[in-house]
Amino acid sequence: MKAMLLQRVWGPSETAIPLARSVVADPVPREGEILIAVTVCGVCHTELDEIEGRTPPRQFPVIPGHQVVGKVIGRGSGVRLFQVGDRVGVGWIFSACGRCDHCRRGDENLCAEFRGTGRDANGGYAGLMTVREEFAFPVPAAFSDAQAAPLFCAGAIGYRSLRLAELQDGQTLGLTGFGASAHLVLQMCRKRMPSSAVLVFSRSPAERSFAMELGAAWAGDIGEDPPATPDAIIDTTPAWRPVVESLRVLASGGRLVINAIRKEEGDRDYLARLDYARHLWMEKRVVSVANVTRRDIREFLDLAAQIPLAPEVREYPLEDANGALMELKKGSIRGAKVLRVS
């Protein structure tokens, strides 16, 4: 099968992404696994974190990609949930142990044996992939393959972030950054909390304009003073500056939810501006979003179909994965990016 391979950690690059076009052996489903013919795979900033070494794969080479949509074309022994021909999707959670205290409580995202799709196991930047059937999900009929792809990470992690924000209808939500995840969070918030204003902070004029198109009450640059005080802020950026600026404008007793696997080092010096009295006092709370659970994906897919959400996507051929990742790094395309595999 055709695949894009990550062969080692490369470190940050402003000029090129080094995934290698390759032909590799077709995977064979083992007991309890399904074989998926991948039609599309979403492009996520976590792939940049893998490539640049912030969350490196456990072994090389590895096939990235964890927003996978395709059809079941094979089944290992013991498979019961899916039939050949079913349309399915796979998110960031490839597997967890199922035995530890975290897993038994439903917090499998915190499992010490958590494995990320496309990092700890081969993912969807390829023609085929295998996964245990309990970690695959039916794709709602309301969405095309390309529309569905970003739901499996950008959407599901945004859903988890909104839950952790503990926002009540009528309270004000802030969003820093306005890419694949945030543009879905805004739509969710407007549906579930129609009396809540959403304020968007972004350094990109195009993203600010996009946010207003989708119903944001206000959109300004990172560091601008908003017209209202956010009761909660969800940070979807790879940078540190938005964290500090978010804490500055956050309401007393407010919650800052950091929706990122890792933060880049480029503006780490901005943390030196963190002042306890100005940024953290008055019982402001900071919580990170660690991975995602199967419950998050299931519940979010149901909600997305009910609303229905309207993901904005731009497609690229699989062979142009490097170009799509570079555009993601530069923030030059609004919404989500999806690789067309077949």
Protein backbone atom coordinates (compact mmCIF):
# COMPACT_ATOMS: atom_id res chain seq x y z
CA MET A 1 0.00 0.00 0.00
CA LYS A 2 1.03 3.64 -0.37
CA ALA A 3 1.93 5.50 2.80
CA MET A 4 3.65 8.60 4.13
CA LEU A 5 6.33 7.58 6.65
CA LEU A 6 7.96 9.44 9.50
CA GLN A 7 11.41 7.86 9.76
CA ARG A 8 12.92 9.87 12.63
CA VAL A 9 12.48 13.04 14.65
CA TRP A 10 13.55 16.00 12.52
CA GLY A 11 13.14 19.01 14.80
CA PRO A 12 11.46 22.30 13.86
CA SER A 13 11.70 23.47 10.26
CA GLU A 14 10.36 26.60 8.61
CA THR A 15 10.93 25.32 5.08
CA ALA A 16 10.05 21.63 4.76
CA ILE A 17 8.21 18.70 6.33
CA PRO A 18 10.07 15.41 5.81
CA LEU A 19 7.48 12.64 5.55
CA ALA A 20 8.63 10.11 2.95
CA ARG A 21 6.41 8.75 0.18
CA SER A 22 6.64 4.99 0.46
CA VAL A 23 5.13 1.67 -0.50
CA VAL A 24 4.85 -0.71 2.46
CA ALA A 25 3.35 -4.13 3.14
CA ASP A 26 -0.41 -4.27 3.66
CA PRO A 27 -1.36 -4.76 7.33
CA VAL A 28 -3.23 -7.94 8.27
CA PRO A 29 -5.95 -7.78 10.94
CA ARG A 30 -5.31 -9.88 14.03
CA GLU A 31 -7.89 -11.26 16.44
CA GLY A 32 -10.38 -8.55 17.38
CA GLU A 33 -9.09 -6.12 14.75
CA ILE A 34 -10.68 -4.66 11.64
CA LEU A 35 -8.89 -3.73 8.42
CA ILE A 36 -9.86 -0.29 7.12
CA ALA A 37 -9.45 1.01 3.58
CA VAL A 38 -8.70 4.65 4.36
CA THR A 39 -10.52 7.21 2.24
CA VAL A 40 -9.45 10.38 4.10
CA CYS A 41 -7.34 11.38 7.08
CA GLY A 42 -7.37 14.72 8.84
CA VAL A 43 -4.18 16.73 9.40
CA CYS A 44 -3.50 17.77 13.01
CA HIS A 45 -0.91 19.87 14.82
CA THR A 46 -0.02 16.74 16.81
CA GLU A 47 1.68 15.43 13.67
CA LEU A 48 3.99 18.45 13.88
CA ASP A 49 4.59 17.65 17.55
CA GLU A 50 5.67 14.14 16.52
CA ILE A 51 7.86 15.30 13.65
CA GLU A 52 9.54 18.04 15.70
CA GLY A 53 10.10 15.84 18.74
CA ARG A 54 7.71 17.29 21.33
CA THR A 55 5.81 14.00 21.55
CA PRO A 56 8.01 11.55 19.64
CA PRO A 57 6.83 8.16 18.42
CA ARG A 58 7.93 5.08 20.34
CA GLN A 59 9.49 3.48 17.28
CA PHE A 60 10.33 4.26 13.67
CA PRO A 61 9.27 4.26 10.97
CA VAL A 62 5.66 5.12 11.78
CA ILE A 63 2.69 6.15 9.67
CA PRO A 64 1.14 9.34 11.17
CA GLY A 65 -2.50 10.35 11.12
CA HIS A 66 -5.27 10.02 13.71
CA GLN A 67 -8.42 11.50 12.14
CA VAL A 68 -9.17 8.50 9.97
CA VAL A 69 -12.29 7.69 7.95
CA GLY A 70 -12.70 4.66 5.72
CA LYS A 71 -14.52 1.39 5.10
CA VAL A 72 -14.08 -1.99 6.74
CA ILE A 73 -12.69 -4.42 4.16
CA GLY A 74 -11.44 -7.20 6.45
CA ARG A 75 -12.01 -8.66 9.89
CA GLY A 76 -9.87 -10.66 12.26
CA SER A 77 -11.33 -13.54 14.22
CA GLY A 78 -13.78 -12.62 16.95
CA VAL A 79 -14.91 -9.30 15.45
CA ARG A 80 -18.57 -8.62 16.27
CA LEU A 81 -19.20 -4.88 16.11
CA PHE A 82 -18.56 -4.19 12.41
CA GLN A 83 -19.27 -5.83 9.09
CA VAL A 84 -17.36 -5.56 5.83
CA GLY A 85 -18.55 -2.40 4.08
CA ASP A 86 -19.27 -0.41 7.25
CA ARG A 87 -18.00 3.17 7.26
CA VAL A 88 -15.88 3.81 10.36
CA GLY A 89 -13.58 6.36 11.89
CA VAL A 90 -10.59 6.24 14.25
CA GLY A 91 -9.42 9.02 16.55
CA TRP A 92 -6.31 9.77 18.64
CA ILE A 93 -7.04 6.97 21.12
CA PHE A 94 -5.70 3.78 19.49
CA SER A 95 -5.86 1.70 22.67
CA ALA A 96 -5.67 1.70 26.46
CA CYS A 97 -5.15 -1.15 28.91
CA GLY A 98 -8.74 -1.35 30.18
CA ARG A 99 -7.56 -2.65 33.57
CA CYS A 100 -6.02 0.25 35.51
CA ASP A 101 -7.90 2.56 37.89
CA HIS A 102 -8.05 5.29 35.24
CA CYS A 103 -9.59 2.97 32.66
CA ARG A 104 -12.10 1.51 35.12
CA ARG A 105 -13.24 5.05 35.99
CA GLY A 106 -13.66 5.90 32.32
CA ASP A 107 -10.53 8.08 32.28
CA GLU A 108 -8.71 5.91 29.74
CA ASN A 109 -7.09 9.05 28.34
CA LEU A 110 -4.90 9.03 31.49
CA CYS A 111 -3.92 5.35 31.21
CA ALA A 112 -0.17 4.76 31.48
CA GLU A 113 -0.50 2.37 28.51
CA PHE A 114 -2.44 4.85 26.36
CA ARG A 115 -1.40 4.53 22.72
CA GLY A 116 -1.93 7.33 20.24
CA THR A 117 -2.97 6.53 16.67
CA GLY A 118 -0.24 7.54 14.24
CA ARG A 119 2.34 7.93 17.01
CA ASP A 120 2.43 4.67 18.97
CA ALA A 121 0.79 2.64 16.17
CA ASN A 122 0.46 3.17 12.43
CA GLY A 123 -2.26 5.63 11.50
CA GLY A 124 -4.18 6.95 8.52
CA TYR A 125 -1.60 8.56 6.23
CA ALA A 126 -1.82 5.32 4.25
CA GLY A 127 -4.13 3.22 2.12
CA LEU A 128 -4.91 0.73 4.89
CA MET A 129 -4.79 0.50 8.67
CA THR A 130 -5.84 -1.91 11.39
CA VAL A 131 -7.29 -1.19 14.81
CA ARG A 132 -9.11 -3.11 17.54
CA GLU A 133 -12.80 -2.89 16.73
CA GLU A 134 -13.72 -1.32 20.09
CA PHE A 135 -11.56 1.69 19.23
CA ALA A 136 -13.36 2.38 15.93
CA PHE A 137 -16.64 4.26 15.58
CA PRO A 138 -19.50 4.35 13.07
CA VAL A 139 -19.48 7.55 11.02
CA PRO A 140 -22.78 9.50 11.12
CA ALA A 141 -24.55 9.54 7.77
CA ALA A 142 -24.93 13.33 8.02
CA PHE A 143 -21.27 13.84 7.10
CA SER A 144 -19.18 13.16 4.04
CA ASP A 145 -15.87 11.40 4.62
CA ALA A 146 -13.95 14.68 4.43
CA GLN A 147 -16.36 16.46 6.80
CA ALA A 148 -16.20 13.57 9.27
CA ALA A 149 -12.40 13.35 9.51
CA PRO A 150 -11.81 16.42 11.74
CA LEU A 151 -14.62 15.30 14.05
CA PHE A 152 -12.44 12.44 15.31
CA CYS A 153 -9.84 14.70 16.93
CA ALA A 154 -10.39 18.43 16.44
CA GLY A 155 -14.06 17.99 17.27
CA ALA A 156 -13.79 15.36 20.01
CA ILE A 157 -10.97 17.15 21.82
CA GLY A 158 -12.91 20.39 21.50
CA TYR A 159 -15.92 18.66 23.05
CA ARG A 160 -13.79 17.45 25.96
CA SER A 161 -12.37 20.97 26.37
CA LEU A 162 -15.85 22.46 26.52
CA ARG A 163 -16.85 19.95 29.19
CA LEU A 164 -13.76 20.77 31.25
CA ALA A 165 -14.53 24.49 30.93
CA GLU A 166 -17.70 23.90 33.00
CA LEU A 167 -19.42 26.76 31.20
CA GLN A 168 -23.05 27.50 32.05
CA ASP A 169 -25.49 28.99 29.55
CA GLY A 170 -25.21 32.74 29.74
CA GLN A 171 -21.55 32.77 30.77
CA THR A 172 -18.93 34.10 28.37
CA LEU A 173 -16.49 31.80 26.58
CA GLY A 174 -13.15 32.83 25.14
CA LEU A 175 -11.29 30.94 22.42
CA THR A 176 -7.61 31.56 21.65
CA GLY A 177 -6.68 30.48 18.16
CA PHE A 178 -9.35 29.64 15.60
CA GLY A 179 -8.36 26.56 13.66
CA ALA A 180 -9.85 23.11 13.18
CA SER A 181 -10.87 22.59 16.82
CA ALA A 182 -11.97 26.09 17.83
CA HIS A 183 -14.27 26.60 14.84
CA LEU A 184 -16.16 23.46 15.90
CA VAL A 185 -16.22 24.49 19.58
CA LEU A 186 -17.83 27.80 18.64
CA GLN A 187 -20.60 25.99 16.78
CA MET A 188 -21.11 23.59 19.69
CA CYS A 189 -21.27 26.41 22.20
CA ARG A 190 -23.83 28.36 20.17
CA LYS A 191 -26.04 25.27 20.01
CA ARG A 192 -25.71 24.05 23.60
CA MET A 193 -25.42 27.46 25.31
CA PRO A 194 -27.30 29.91 23.08
CA SER A 195 -27.17 32.71 25.67
CA SER A 196 -23.37 32.57 25.94
CA ALA A 197 -21.26 35.03 24.01
CA VAL A 198 -18.10 33.66 22.38
CA LEU A 199 -15.03 35.89 22.18
CA VAL A 200 -12.21 34.86 19.83
CA PHE A 201 -8.56 35.88 20.20
CA SER A 202 -6.40 35.23 17.16
CA ARG A 203 -3.33 36.83 15.60
CA SER A 204 -4.75 36.04 12.14
CA PRO A 205 -7.14 38.57 10.56
CA ALA A 206 -8.51 35.77 8.36
CA GLU A 207 -9.30 33.63 11.41
CA ARG A 208 -10.95 36.58 13.15
CA SER A 209 -13.13 37.20 10.11
CA PHE A 210 -14.01 33.49 9.94
CA ALA A 211 -15.00 33.54 13.63
CA MET A 212 -17.38 36.44 13.07
CA GLU A 213 -18.92 34.61 10.10
CA LEU A 214 -19.68 31.68 12.42
CA GLY A 215 -21.33 33.86 15.05
CA ALA A 216 -18.63 35.03 17.45
CA ALA A 217 -19.70 38.07 19.46
CA TRP A 218 -16.24 39.62 19.09
CA ALA A 219 -12.87 38.74 17.56
CA GLY A 220 -9.60 40.48 18.33
CA ASP A 221 -5.86 39.94 18.38
CA ILE A 222 -4.01 38.01 21.09
CA GLY A 223 -3.41 40.50 23.88
CA GLU A 224 -6.34 42.79 23.05
CA ASP A 225 -8.81 43.64 25.82
CA PRO A 226 -12.19 42.05 25.01
CA PRO A 227 -15.52 43.86 25.49
CA ALA A 228 -16.55 41.36 28.20
CA THR A 229 -14.75 39.24 30.79
CA PRO A 230 -14.58 35.55 29.84
CA ASP A 231 -15.75 33.11 32.50
CA ALA A 232 -13.77 30.37 30.74
CA ILE A 233 -11.19 30.33 27.97
CA ILE A 234 -10.14 27.41 25.80
CA ASP A 235 -6.63 27.80 24.40
CA THR A 236 -6.13 25.87 21.15
CA THR A 237 -2.74 27.31 20.17
CA PRO A 238 0.76 25.76 20.23
CA ALA A 239 2.22 28.89 21.87
CA TRP A 240 2.75 30.24 25.41
CA ARG A 241 1.78 33.86 24.89
CA PRO A 242 -1.96 33.09 24.64
CA VAL A 243 -1.80 31.28 27.99
CA VAL A 244 -0.43 34.34 29.78
CA GLU A 245 -2.75 36.75 27.98
CA SER A 246 -5.75 34.50 28.68
CA LEU A 247 -5.02 34.46 32.40
CA ARG A 248 -4.77 38.24 32.37
CA VAL A 249 -8.33 38.73 31.03
CA LEU A 250 -9.96 35.69 32.68
CA ALA A 251 -12.69 36.33 35.25
CA SER A 252 -12.10 35.70 38.95
CA GLY A 253 -12.82 32.03 39.59
CA GLY A 254 -12.55 31.41 35.84
CA ARG A 255 -11.15 28.38 34.08
CA LEU A 256 -8.42 28.27 31.44
CA VAL A 257 -8.49 24.98 29.52
CA ILE A 258 -5.32 24.30 27.52
CA ASN A 259 -6.20 22.13 24.52
CA ALA A 260 -2.75 21.08 23.31
CA ILE A 261 -0.61 17.94 23.45
CA ARG A 262 2.53 20.06 23.74
CA LYS A 263 3.55 23.72 23.58
CA GLU A 264 6.30 24.92 21.26
CA GLU A 265 9.42 26.55 22.71
CA GLY A 266 9.53 29.59 20.42
CA ASP A 267 7.90 32.05 22.84
CA ARG A 268 8.65 30.29 26.13
CA ASP A 269 10.30 33.48 27.40
CA TYR A 270 6.80 34.97 27.52
CA LEU A 271 6.25 32.92 30.70
CA ALA A 272 8.64 35.28 32.48
CA ARG A 273 5.83 37.86 32.33
CA LEU A 274 3.56 35.67 34.44
CA ASP A 275 2.70 37.61 37.58
CA TYR A 276 0.86 35.87 40.40
CA ALA A 277 -1.30 38.81 41.44
CA ARG A 278 -2.22 39.78 37.87
CA HIS A 279 -2.61 36.39 36.25
CA LEU A 280 -3.31 33.68 38.83
CA TRP A 281 -4.80 35.21 41.96
CA MET A 282 -8.56 35.24 42.63
CA GLU A 283 -8.83 31.46 42.29
CA LYS A 284 -8.31 31.25 38.55
CA ARG A 285 -7.91 27.64 37.50
CA VAL A 286 -5.78 26.07 34.77
CA VAL A 287 -6.48 22.58 33.44
CA SER A 288 -4.89 20.69 30.55
CA VAL A 289 -6.68 18.41 28.14
CA ALA A 290 -4.86 15.07 28.06
CA ASN A 291 -5.75 12.96 25.04
CA VAL A 292 -9.37 11.88 24.52
CA THR A 293 -11.62 9.00 25.61
CA ARG A 294 -13.92 6.81 23.56
CA ARG A 295 -16.83 8.35 25.44
CA ASP A 296 -15.78 11.80 24.19
CA ILE A 297 -15.79 10.61 20.58
CA ARG A 298 -19.11 8.76 20.84
CA GLU A 299 -20.92 11.62 22.55
CA PHE A 300 -19.44 14.23 20.27
CA LEU A 301 -20.36 12.35 17.08
CA ASP A 302 -23.97 12.13 18.28
CA LEU A 303 -24.02 15.85 19.10
CA ALA A 304 -22.33 16.81 15.83
CA ALA A 305 -25.00 14.95 13.85
CA GLN A 306 -27.83 16.52 15.85
CA ILE A 307 -26.69 20.14 15.44
CA PRO A 308 -25.51 19.41 12.66
CA LEU A 309 -22.00 20.83 12.71
CA ALA A 310 -20.54 22.25 9.53
CA PRO A 311 -16.80 21.54 9.48
CA GLU A 312 -14.92 23.70 7.00
CA VAL A 313 -12.33 21.53 5.27
CA ARG A 314 -9.75 21.80 2.54
CA GLU A 315 -8.61 18.62 0.83
CA TYR A 316 -5.11 17.65 -0.30
CA PRO A 317 -3.92 14.43 -1.97
CA LEU A 318 -2.09 12.07 0.38
CA GLU A 319 1.13 12.72 -1.52
CA ASP A 320 0.90 16.40 -0.54
CA ALA A 321 0.86 15.66 3.20
CA ASN A 322 4.08 17.62 3.67
CA GLY A 323 2.56 20.68 2.03
CA ALA A 324 -0.60 20.43 4.13
CA LEU A 325 1.45 20.19 7.32
CA MET A 326 3.55 23.19 6.36
CA GLU A 327 0.42 25.25 5.68
CA LEU A 328 -0.91 24.14 9.07
CA LYS A 329 2.34 25.25 10.69
CA LYS A 330 2.06 28.65 9.04
CA GLY A 331 -1.66 28.97 9.83
CA SER A 332 -2.41 29.93 6.25
CA ILE A 333 -5.64 27.97 5.68
CA ARG A 334 -8.80 28.36 7.75
CA GLY A 335 -10.74 25.43 9.18
CA ALA A 336 -9.49 21.84 8.93
CA LYS A 337 -7.16 20.14 6.48
CA VAL A 338 -7.87 16.64 5.16
CA LEU A 339 -5.79 14.26 3.08
CA ARG A 340 -7.64 12.38 0.35
CA VAL A 341 -6.21 8.86 0.34
CA SER A 342 -8.59 6.97 -1.97
